[in-house]
Structure formats: C-alpha cells, structure tokens
Amino acid sequence: MRFETDTTIRIKDAYAARHEPEGARVLGEFVWAILVFLLVLMILGGIGFGIWQFTRPLAGDVESSVSVGAHKSVTRSELQKILEGFGARAEKYEKRRTAPVGVKDPS
C-alpha cells in the first residue's frame, strides 16, 4: 500500500487548475473526504455525548425527591371536596356543551 505524501501539492495544483476535469475530480474527492470525516466526527461526538449524559450521576439529592412509604391519607372531607369539584366540572361541561358559543361577526 502506498501513501500519498504530496497531498497538499496535489490540492494546490488542482485548485489552480480547477477549470480542468482532472482538477475538479481531485477537488471533488477532497471535499467528499472532508464531508465523510465530518460525518464520522459528528456521529462519534453524538454517541460520546449520549454516553456521557447517560453515565453521569444525577444532580441533587435523589433520596430527598423520592418519598418511599410516606403516603398521605385522604380524609373524608377532602374526598368530599374533590368529588364536589368533579361534579361542578361536569355541570360546567354540560352547560357549555349545550349552550351555543357566541361568535363575533368578522365583518
């Protein structure tokens, strides 16, 4: 396998002769190689950032945000207020559903 060491000279010569088909081909291959390199770099960057976000520890105290076993019981009066609120909401819905909505004349 042979490595090309005169890449910069080839690109410089191709840019100088960019109106020639051979120069356009070399420049096209160079641009294509840059685009593929940038795509690979972006994919690897995205994967790296995702792994970093996935493996970093959670910010703040986890145990303070989770209350295990601390159930607040609902009293009978609170339950009655909640049921009355749902009943009032159902009545409001029925009233709005049957009453036509007044639309202003656009003219």
Protein backbone atom coordinates (compact mmCIF):
# COMPACT_ATOMS: atom_id res chain seq x y z
CA MET A 1 0.00 0.00 0.00
CA ARG A 2 1.39 3.38 -0.95
CA PHE A 3 0.63 6.56 0.96
CA GLU A 4 0.48 9.83 -0.89
CA THR A 5 2.78 12.39 0.70
CA ASP A 6 2.21 15.17 -1.81
CA THR A 7 -1.46 15.71 -0.97
CA THR A 8 -1.12 19.43 -0.31
CA ILE A 9 0.75 19.93 -3.55
CA ARG A 10 -1.91 17.96 -5.46
CA ILE A 11 -4.72 20.01 -3.91
CA LYS A 12 -2.88 23.25 -4.61
CA ASP A 13 -2.30 22.23 -8.22
CA ALA A 14 -5.90 21.03 -8.57
CA TYR A 15 -7.20 24.33 -7.22
CA ALA A 16 -5.01 26.22 -9.63
CA ALA A 17 -6.44 24.08 -12.47
CA ARG A 18 -10.00 23.84 -11.13
CA HIS A 19 -11.45 24.51 -14.58
CA GLU A 20 -9.86 21.28 -15.84
CA PRO A 21 -11.75 17.98 -15.32
CA GLU A 22 -8.76 16.37 -13.58
CA GLY A 23 -8.52 19.24 -11.11
CA ALA A 24 -12.25 19.21 -10.46
CA ARG A 25 -12.08 15.48 -9.78
CA VAL A 26 -9.27 15.88 -7.22
CA LEU A 27 -11.09 18.75 -5.53
CA GLY A 28 -14.32 16.74 -5.51
CA GLU A 29 -12.58 13.79 -3.87
CA PHE A 30 -11.04 16.14 -1.30
CA VAL A 31 -14.39 17.75 -0.46
CA TRP A 32 -16.03 14.33 -0.27
CA ALA A 33 -13.32 13.10 2.13
CA ILE A 34 -13.83 16.16 4.34
CA LEU A 35 -17.60 15.60 4.38
CA VAL A 36 -17.22 11.94 5.31
CA PHE A 37 -14.72 12.86 8.02
CA LEU A 38 -17.10 15.47 9.46
CA LEU A 39 -19.98 13.00 9.39
CA VAL A 40 -17.96 10.39 11.27
CA LEU A 41 -16.82 13.05 13.73
CA MET A 42 -20.41 14.16 14.36
CA ILE A 43 -21.64 10.60 14.83
CA LEU A 44 -18.84 9.79 17.26
CA GLY A 45 -19.45 13.08 19.07
CA GLY A 46 -23.16 12.32 19.38
CA ILE A 47 -22.50 8.83 20.69
CA GLY A 48 -19.90 10.15 23.11
CA PHE A 49 -22.23 12.88 24.37
CA GLY A 50 -25.06 10.37 24.80
CA ILE A 51 -22.83 8.03 26.79
CA TRP A 52 -21.59 10.94 28.90
CA GLN A 53 -25.16 12.08 29.65
CA PHE A 54 -26.27 8.54 30.39
CA THR A 55 -23.44 7.69 32.78
CA ARG A 56 -23.11 10.94 34.71
CA PRO A 57 -24.61 10.96 38.21
CA LEU A 58 -27.94 12.60 38.86
CA ALA A 59 -27.75 16.17 40.09
CA GLY A 60 -29.02 16.83 43.60
CA ASP A 61 -30.05 14.52 46.38
CA VAL A 62 -32.01 11.59 44.99
CA GLU A 63 -33.39 10.42 48.31
CA SER A 64 -34.95 13.79 49.11
CA SER A 65 -37.01 13.77 45.91
CA VAL A 66 -38.33 10.25 46.44
CA SER A 67 -40.64 9.69 49.35
CA VAL A 68 -40.91 5.96 49.86
CA GLY A 69 -43.56 4.84 52.28
CA ALA A 70 -44.76 8.35 53.11
CA HIS A 71 -48.37 8.08 51.97
CA LYS A 72 -50.66 10.92 52.94
CA SER A 73 -54.09 9.61 53.69
CA VAL A 74 -57.09 11.49 52.37
CA THR A 75 -59.75 12.42 54.90
CA ARG A 76 -63.42 12.12 54.26
CA SER A 77 -63.91 15.90 54.00
CA GLU A 78 -61.07 16.24 51.46
CA LEU A 79 -62.56 13.42 49.41
CA GLN A 80 -65.95 15.11 49.51
CA LYS A 81 -64.39 18.39 48.25
CA ILE A 82 -62.67 16.55 45.41
CA LEU A 83 -65.91 14.82 44.37
CA GLU A 84 -67.82 18.12 44.51
CA GLY A 85 -65.15 19.70 42.29
CA PHE A 86 -65.58 16.91 39.75
CA GLY A 87 -69.35 17.33 39.90
CA ALA A 88 -69.08 21.08 39.33
CA ARG A 89 -66.73 20.50 36.45
CA ALA A 90 -69.17 18.02 34.86
CA GLU A 91 -72.04 20.51 35.22
CA LYS A 92 -69.91 23.28 33.67
CA TYR A 93 -69.05 20.97 30.77
CA GLU A 94 -72.68 20.07 30.15
CA LYS A 95 -73.71 23.73 30.29
CA ARG A 96 -71.02 24.73 27.77
CA ARG A 97 -71.80 21.78 25.54
CA THR A 98 -75.49 22.64 25.21
CA ALA A 99 -75.16 26.45 25.06
CA PRO A 100 -74.02 27.83 21.72
CA VAL A 101 -70.83 29.85 21.69
CA GLY A 102 -71.31 33.43 20.64
CA VAL A 103 -69.08 34.23 17.69
CA LYS A 104 -68.48 37.85 16.74
CA ASP A 105 -69.29 38.95 13.24
CA PRO A 106 -65.96 39.22 11.37
CA SER A 107 -67.16 41.98 9.04
